[in-house]
Amino acid sequence: MAGYPDRNLSVRCAVSQSETATCEKSQRGSPTATTSATTVNSSVRTREYLTTAEIERLMAAARKSSRYGHRDATMILIGYRHGLRASELCDLQWSQVELATGRLHVRRAKNGSPSVHPMQGDEIRALRRLQREQRASSHVFQSERGGPMTPKAFHALFGRIGERAKMPFPVHPHMLRHGCGYALANAGHGSRRTCLSNDRPSLS
C-alpha cells in the first residue's frame, strides 16, 4: 500500500525529554494501572508494550482489514511514533499537523505539556493520502460515519486488528505509547536525551 514501507519500518519516537521519562516509566510495567483495561495481567499478557516488529505486523493486518485500512494503519503509525494516548490520537486535528514542514503539534492529556514533534516521510505521505481520501473534517481520524473516532471505538478496533494479526496476546491502544518508551529505552536514550534533534536515532 502506498505510503508505508512493507518491511524494515524505521521508527524514531519523537518525544521530548519529559515525555521520554514518562514513556520509559510506563513501559516498565508498573503494577499501578490507570484503568482496568490496561492493567498488567500475567494470565493475559506478559508485558504492556509492543516491539517494532509487532507494530509492523499490526499495520499489515490493519491495511487488509477493511476499506478503512489506510486510516487504521496510519493511526497505529502515528500513535506509536509519537507515544500518543488513545484520547490524544482521537483528538488530533488537522490544525495540529504541518504537512509542509513535517511537524506535529501534540496536545497532551492529563495535564501534560504541549510539544512539537518532527514527522518522518512515511507519516507525511500517509497523512496526505488520508486527507485526500476522507471527507473534510477538523479531526484527522474519522469514524465510518464521518465524526471523530472515539477512544472507545479505537480500543475495540485495535483489539480486532490484534486478533487479525494473530498476536499471541490481547492488545490495547496504550501499548503504542508504552512501545515508544520501550524503543527509546532499548536504544539507550534516557530521560535526559531529547529525540527532537536532527540526529535522533533509528529504532528499527
C-alpha atoms as a PDB file:
ATOM      1  CA  MET A   1       0.000   0.000   0.000  1.00  0.00           C
ATOM      2  CA  ALA A   2       1.402   3.387  -0.941  1.00  0.00           C
ATOM      3  CA  GLY A   3       2.745   5.491   1.888  1.00  0.00           C
ATOM      4  CA  TYR A   4       4.164   2.683   4.020  1.00  0.00           C
ATOM      5  CA  PRO A   5       7.274   0.548   3.736  1.00  0.00           C
ATOM      6  CA  ASP A   6       6.263  -3.105   3.895  1.00  0.00           C
ATOM      7  CA  ARG A   7       9.453  -4.139   5.657  1.00  0.00           C
ATOM      8  CA  ASN A   8      12.121  -2.658   7.903  1.00  0.00           C
ATOM      9  CA  LEU A   9       9.905   0.021   9.379  1.00  0.00           C
ATOM     10  CA  SER A  10      12.248   2.741  10.629  1.00  0.00           C
ATOM     11  CA  VAL A  11      10.836   4.037  13.902  1.00  0.00           C
ATOM     12  CA  ARG A  12      12.004   7.223  15.575  1.00  0.00           C
ATOM     13  CA  CYS A  13       9.871   8.032  18.580  1.00  0.00           C
ATOM     14  CA  ALA A  14       9.750  11.811  18.529  1.00  0.00           C
ATOM     15  CA  VAL A  15       9.127  12.653  22.168  1.00  0.00           C
ATOM     16  CA  SER A  16      10.523  15.390  24.373  1.00  0.00           C
ATOM     17  CA  GLN A  17      12.753  14.939  27.418  1.00  0.00           C
ATOM     18  CA  SER A  18       9.933  14.942  29.959  1.00  0.00           C
ATOM     19  CA  GLU A  19       7.767  12.749  27.745  1.00  0.00           C
ATOM     20  CA  THR A  20      10.614  10.260  27.362  1.00  0.00           C
ATOM     21  CA  ALA A  21      10.811   9.855  31.121  1.00  0.00           C
ATOM     22  CA  THR A  22       7.073   9.249  31.309  1.00  0.00           C
ATOM     23  CA  CYS A  23       7.103   6.705  28.483  1.00  0.00           C
ATOM     24  CA  GLU A  24      10.083   4.863  29.960  1.00  0.00           C
ATOM     25  CA  LYS A  25       8.345   4.635  33.306  1.00  0.00           C
ATOM     26  CA  SER A  26       5.118   3.359  31.768  1.00  0.00           C
ATOM     27  CA  GLN A  27       6.760   0.632  29.655  1.00  0.00           C
ATOM     28  CA  ARG A  28       8.412  -0.987  32.650  1.00  0.00           C
ATOM     29  CA  GLY A  29       5.066  -2.481  33.618  1.00  0.00           C
ATOM     30  CA  SER A  30       4.220  -0.570  36.780  1.00  0.00           C
ATOM     31  CA  PRO A  31       1.691  -2.549  38.863  1.00  0.00           C
ATOM     32  CA  THR A  32      -0.391   0.595  39.237  1.00  0.00           C
ATOM     33  CA  ALA A  33      -2.564   0.918  36.146  1.00  0.00           C
ATOM     34  CA  THR A  34      -4.669   3.888  35.179  1.00  0.00           C
ATOM     35  CA  THR A  35      -7.603   1.774  34.059  1.00  0.00           C
ATOM     36  CA  SER A  36      -8.619  -1.849  34.312  1.00  0.00           C
ATOM     37  CA  ALA A  37      -8.326  -2.141  30.518  1.00  0.00           C
ATOM     38  CA  THR A  38      -4.553  -1.652  30.685  1.00  0.00           C
ATOM     39  CA  THR A  39      -3.834  -3.491  33.932  1.00  0.00           C
ATOM     40  CA  VAL A  40      -0.890  -5.862  33.656  1.00  0.00           C
ATOM     41  CA  ASN A  41      -2.255  -9.395  33.976  1.00  0.00           C
ATOM     42  CA  SER A  42       0.257 -12.199  33.550  1.00  0.00           C
ATOM     43  CA  SER A  43      -2.539 -14.601  32.674  1.00  0.00           C
ATOM     44  CA  VAL A  44      -3.483 -12.390  29.700  1.00  0.00           C
ATOM     45  CA  ARG A  45      -0.154 -10.839  28.596  1.00  0.00           C
ATOM     46  CA  THR A  46       3.390 -10.839  29.910  1.00  0.00           C
ATOM     47  CA  ARG A  47       4.153  -7.203  29.017  1.00  0.00           C
ATOM     48  CA  GLU A  48       2.442  -3.926  28.250  1.00  0.00           C
ATOM     49  CA  TYR A  49       4.464  -2.688  25.261  1.00  0.00           C
ATOM     50  CA  LEU A  50       4.798  -3.554  21.577  1.00  0.00           C
ATOM     51  CA  THR A  51       8.012  -4.055  19.628  1.00  0.00           C
ATOM     52  CA  THR A  52       8.771  -2.559  16.230  1.00  0.00           C
ATOM     53  CA  ALA A  53       8.192  -5.937  14.578  1.00  0.00           C
ATOM     54  CA  GLU A  54       4.786  -6.183  16.255  1.00  0.00           C
ATOM     55  CA  ILE A  55       3.880  -2.689  15.091  1.00  0.00           C
ATOM     56  CA  GLU A  56       4.716  -3.744  11.529  1.00  0.00           C
ATOM     57  CA  ARG A  57       2.578  -6.847  11.997  1.00  0.00           C
ATOM     58  CA  LEU A  58      -0.394  -4.849  13.261  1.00  0.00           C
ATOM     59  CA  MET A  59      -0.111  -2.287  10.482  1.00  0.00           C
ATOM     60  CA  ALA A  60      -0.027  -5.030   7.857  1.00  0.00           C
ATOM     61  CA  ALA A  61      -3.154  -6.598   9.346  1.00  0.00           C
ATOM     62  CA  ALA A  62      -4.855  -3.201   9.541  1.00  0.00           C
ATOM     63  CA  ARG A  63      -4.270  -2.468   5.853  1.00  0.00           C
ATOM     64  CA  LYS A  64      -6.005  -5.700   4.885  1.00  0.00           C
ATOM     65  CA  SER A  65      -8.842  -5.449   7.382  1.00  0.00           C
ATOM     66  CA  SER A  66     -11.373  -3.202   5.668  1.00  0.00           C
ATOM     67  CA  ARG A  67     -11.936  -0.259   3.353  1.00  0.00           C
ATOM     68  CA  TYR A  68     -10.619   1.884   6.224  1.00  0.00           C
ATOM     69  CA  GLY A  69      -7.331   0.002   6.383  1.00  0.00           C
ATOM     70  CA  HIS A  70      -5.234   3.032   5.479  1.00  0.00           C
ATOM     71  CA  ARG A  71      -6.813   5.073   8.276  1.00  0.00           C
ATOM     72  CA  ASP A  72      -6.293   2.259  10.775  1.00  0.00           C
ATOM     73  CA  ALA A  73      -2.649   1.695   9.822  1.00  0.00           C
ATOM     74  CA  THR A  74      -1.990   5.430   9.984  1.00  0.00           C
ATOM     75  CA  MET A  75      -3.460   5.627  13.486  1.00  0.00           C
ATOM     76  CA  ILE A  76      -1.128   2.858  14.616  1.00  0.00           C
ATOM     77  CA  LEU A  77       1.886   4.508  12.986  1.00  0.00           C
ATOM     78  CA  ILE A  78       1.231   7.988  14.412  1.00  0.00           C
ATOM     79  CA  GLY A  79       0.282   6.659  17.839  1.00  0.00           C
ATOM     80  CA  TYR A  80       3.487   4.641  18.080  1.00  0.00           C
ATOM     81  CA  ARG A  81       5.896   7.172  16.617  1.00  0.00           C
ATOM     82  CA  HIS A  82       4.706   9.933  18.927  1.00  0.00           C
ATOM     83  CA  GLY A  83       3.801   7.951  22.031  1.00  0.00           C
ATOM     84  CA  LEU A  84       0.180   9.109  21.976  1.00  0.00           C
ATOM     85  CA  ARG A  85      -2.599   8.021  24.277  1.00  0.00           C
ATOM     86  CA  ALA A  86      -5.825   6.883  22.591  1.00  0.00           C
ATOM     87  CA  SER A  87      -7.538  10.134  23.595  1.00  0.00           C
ATOM     88  CA  GLU A  88      -4.689  12.234  22.156  1.00  0.00           C
ATOM     89  CA  LEU A  89      -4.731  10.273  18.916  1.00  0.00           C
ATOM     90  CA  CYS A  90      -8.502  10.525  18.517  1.00  0.00           C
ATOM     91  CA  ASP A  91      -8.495  14.237  19.395  1.00  0.00           C
ATOM     92  CA  LEU A  92      -5.798  15.035  16.833  1.00  0.00           C
ATOM     93  CA  GLN A  93      -6.915  17.786  14.449  1.00  0.00           C
ATOM     94  CA  TRP A  94      -5.557  18.935  11.106  1.00  0.00           C
ATOM     95  CA  SER A  95      -4.720  22.303  12.656  1.00  0.00           C
ATOM     96  CA  GLN A  96      -2.051  20.453  14.671  1.00  0.00           C
ATOM     97  CA  VAL A  97      -0.463  18.928  11.561  1.00  0.00           C
ATOM     98  CA  GLU A  98       2.058  20.851   9.460  1.00  0.00           C
ATOM     99  CA  LEU A  99       2.474  18.683   6.392  1.00  0.00           C
ATOM    100  CA  ALA A 100       4.635  21.224   4.565  1.00  0.00           C
ATOM    101  CA  THR A 101       7.201  21.443   7.370  1.00  0.00           C
ATOM    102  CA  GLY A 102       6.774  17.934   8.766  1.00  0.00           C
ATOM    103  CA  ARG A 103       5.816  18.951  12.277  1.00  0.00           C
ATOM    104  CA  LEU A 104       3.129  17.648  14.617  1.00  0.00           C
ATOM    105  CA  HIS A 105       1.801  19.786  17.452  1.00  0.00           C
ATOM    106  CA  VAL A 106       0.929  17.419  20.281  1.00  0.00           C
ATOM    107  CA  ARG A 107      -1.542  18.401  22.963  1.00  0.00           C
ATOM    108  CA  ARG A 108      -1.037  16.079  25.890  1.00  0.00           C
ATOM    109  CA  ALA A 109      -3.857  14.808  28.078  1.00  0.00           C
ATOM    110  CA  LYS A 110      -3.643  14.502  31.881  1.00  0.00           C
ATOM    111  CA  ASN A 111      -2.103  17.963  32.354  1.00  0.00           C
ATOM    112  CA  GLY A 112       0.824  17.132  30.093  1.00  0.00           C
ATOM    113  CA  SER A 113       2.822  19.886  28.398  1.00  0.00           C
ATOM    114  CA  PRO A 114       2.194  20.559  24.691  1.00  0.00           C
ATOM    115  CA  SER A 115       5.121  19.892  22.377  1.00  0.00           C
ATOM    116  CA  VAL A 116       6.133  19.903  18.718  1.00  0.00           C
ATOM    117  CA  HIS A 117       7.335  16.633  17.172  1.00  0.00           C
ATOM    118  CA  PRO A 118       9.110  16.111  13.841  1.00  0.00           C
ATOM    119  CA  MET A 119       7.401  13.733  11.422  1.00  0.00           C
ATOM    120  CA  GLN A 120       9.080  11.286   9.060  1.00  0.00           C
ATOM    121  CA  GLY A 121       8.392  10.993   5.362  1.00  0.00           C
ATOM    122  CA  ASP A 122       6.130   7.956   5.576  1.00  0.00           C
ATOM    123  CA  GLU A 123       3.975   9.695   8.192  1.00  0.00           C
ATOM    124  CA  ILE A 124       3.596  12.777   5.986  1.00  0.00           C
ATOM    125  CA  ARG A 125       2.721  10.688   2.932  1.00  0.00           C
ATOM    126  CA  ALA A 126       0.201   8.645   4.897  1.00  0.00           C
ATOM    127  CA  LEU A 127      -1.470  11.754   6.305  1.00  0.00           C
ATOM    128  CA  ARG A 128      -1.593  13.455   2.903  1.00  0.00           C
ATOM    129  CA  ARG A 129      -3.318  10.419   1.435  1.00  0.00           C
ATOM    130  CA  LEU A 130      -5.741  10.255   4.342  1.00  0.00           C
ATOM    131  CA  GLN A 131      -6.594  13.924   3.902  1.00  0.00           C
ATOM    132  CA  ARG A 132      -7.269  13.374   0.189  1.00  0.00           C
ATOM    133  CA  GLU A 133      -9.406  10.281   0.601  1.00  0.00           C
ATOM    134  CA  GLN A 134     -11.689  11.143   3.502  1.00  0.00           C
ATOM    135  CA  ARG A 135     -14.363  13.798   3.768  1.00  0.00           C
ATOM    136  CA  ALA A 136     -13.450  17.254   5.037  1.00  0.00           C
ATOM    137  CA  SER A 137     -13.281  17.415   8.811  1.00  0.00           C
ATOM    138  CA  SER A 138     -11.361  19.188  11.553  1.00  0.00           C
ATOM    139  CA  HIS A 139     -10.327  15.819  13.010  1.00  0.00           C
ATOM    140  CA  VAL A 140      -7.601  13.713  11.404  1.00  0.00           C
ATOM    141  CA  PHE A 141      -9.118  10.334  12.216  1.00  0.00           C
ATOM    142  CA  GLN A 142     -12.794   9.885  11.398  1.00  0.00           C
ATOM    143  CA  SER A 143     -15.257   7.137  12.125  1.00  0.00           C
ATOM    144  CA  GLU A 144     -17.202   5.374   9.377  1.00  0.00           C
ATOM    145  CA  ARG A 145     -19.979   7.928   9.901  1.00  0.00           C
ATOM    146  CA  GLY A 146     -17.670  10.887   9.400  1.00  0.00           C
ATOM    147  CA  GLY A 147     -17.390  12.001  13.013  1.00  0.00           C
ATOM    148  CA  PRO A 148     -14.214  11.910  15.071  1.00  0.00           C
ATOM    149  CA  MET A 149     -13.022   8.474  16.151  1.00  0.00           C
ATOM    150  CA  THR A 150     -13.649   7.932  19.862  1.00  0.00           C
ATOM    151  CA  PRO A 151     -11.146   6.301  22.236  1.00  0.00           C
ATOM    152  CA  LYS A 152     -13.687   3.577  22.998  1.00  0.00           C
ATOM    153  CA  ALA A 153     -14.138   2.790  19.308  1.00  0.00           C
ATOM    154  CA  PHE A 154     -10.384   2.798  18.714  1.00  0.00           C
ATOM    155  CA  HIS A 155      -9.856   0.473  21.656  1.00  0.00           C
ATOM    156  CA  ALA A 156     -12.288  -2.041  20.136  1.00  0.00           C
ATOM    157  CA  LEU A 157     -10.812  -1.567  16.648  1.00  0.00           C
ATOM    158  CA  PHE A 158      -7.259  -2.077  17.901  1.00  0.00           C
ATOM    159  CA  GLY A 159      -8.265  -5.281  19.653  1.00  0.00           C
ATOM    160  CA  ARG A 160      -9.810  -6.634  16.443  1.00  0.00           C
ATOM    161  CA  ILE A 161      -6.692  -5.755  14.474  1.00  0.00           C
ATOM    162  CA  GLY A 162      -4.632  -7.642  17.046  1.00  0.00           C
ATOM    163  CA  GLU A 163      -6.811 -10.704  16.535  1.00  0.00           C
ATOM    164  CA  ARG A 164      -6.450 -10.473  12.742  1.00  0.00           C
ATOM    165  CA  ALA A 165      -2.698 -10.129  13.150  1.00  0.00           C
ATOM    166  CA  LYS A 166      -2.782 -13.299  15.273  1.00  0.00           C
ATOM    167  CA  MET A 167      -0.948 -11.594  18.088  1.00  0.00           C
ATOM    168  CA  PRO A 168      -0.035 -14.052  20.868  1.00  0.00           C
ATOM    169  CA  PHE A 169      -1.787 -11.866  23.448  1.00  0.00           C
ATOM    170  CA  PRO A 170      -4.646  -9.327  23.536  1.00  0.00           C
ATOM    171  CA  VAL A 171      -3.534  -5.805  22.634  1.00  0.00           C
ATOM    172  CA  HIS A 172      -4.847  -2.381  23.604  1.00  0.00           C
ATOM    173  CA  PRO A 173      -4.013   1.143  22.308  1.00  0.00           C
ATOM    174  CA  HIS A 174      -1.930   2.223  25.313  1.00  0.00           C
ATOM    175  CA  MET A 175       0.628  -0.378  24.281  1.00  0.00           C
ATOM    176  CA  LEU A 176       1.563   2.007  21.441  1.00  0.00           C
ATOM    177  CA  ARG A 177       2.661   4.620  23.968  1.00  0.00           C
ATOM    178  CA  HIS A 178       4.442   2.015  26.093  1.00  0.00           C
ATOM    179  CA  GLY A 179       6.108   0.694  22.945  1.00  0.00           C
ATOM    180  CA  CYS A 180       7.548   4.108  22.128  1.00  0.00           C
ATOM    181  CA  GLY A 181       9.056   4.296  25.610  1.00  0.00           C
ATOM    182  CA  TYR A 182      10.422   0.767  25.280  1.00  0.00           C
ATOM    183  CA  ALA A 183      12.024   1.569  21.932  1.00  0.00           C
ATOM    184  CA  LEU A 184      13.752   4.635  23.380  1.00  0.00           C
ATOM    185  CA  ALA A 185      14.951   2.820  26.476  1.00  0.00           C
ATOM    186  CA  ASN A 186      16.114  -0.175  24.446  1.00  0.00           C
ATOM    187  CA  ALA A 187      18.184   2.150  22.249  1.00  0.00           C
ATOM    188  CA  GLY A 188      19.849   3.614  25.339  1.00  0.00           C
ATOM    189  CA  HIS A 189      18.189   7.019  25.356  1.00  0.00           C
ATOM    190  CA  GLY A 190      17.365   8.012  28.895  1.00  0.00           C
ATOM    191  CA  SER A 191      15.101  10.775  30.125  1.00  0.00           C
ATOM    192  CA  ARG A 192      17.824  13.383  29.599  1.00  0.00           C
ATOM    193  CA  ARG A 193      18.046  12.687  25.879  1.00  0.00           C
ATOM    194  CA  THR A 194      15.717  14.509  23.518  1.00  0.00           C
ATOM    195  CA  CYS A 195      14.606  12.841  20.319  1.00  0.00           C
ATOM    196  CA  LEU A 196      13.585  16.089  18.670  1.00  0.00           C
ATOM    197  CA  SER A 197      17.067  16.731  17.291  1.00  0.00           C
ATOM    198  CA  ASN A 198      18.024  16.006  13.700  1.00  0.00           C
ATOM    199  CA  ASP A 199      20.342  13.183  14.786  1.00  0.00           C
ATOM    200  CA  ARG A 200      17.653  11.196  16.571  1.00  0.00           C
ATOM    201  CA  PRO A 201      18.472   7.512  16.108  1.00  0.00           C
ATOM    202  CA  SER A 202      16.766   4.841  14.080  1.00  0.00           C
ATOM    203  CA  LEU A 203      14.953   2.437  16.356  1.00  0.00           C
ATOM    204  CA  SER A 204      14.299  -0.211  13.734  1.00  0.00           C
END
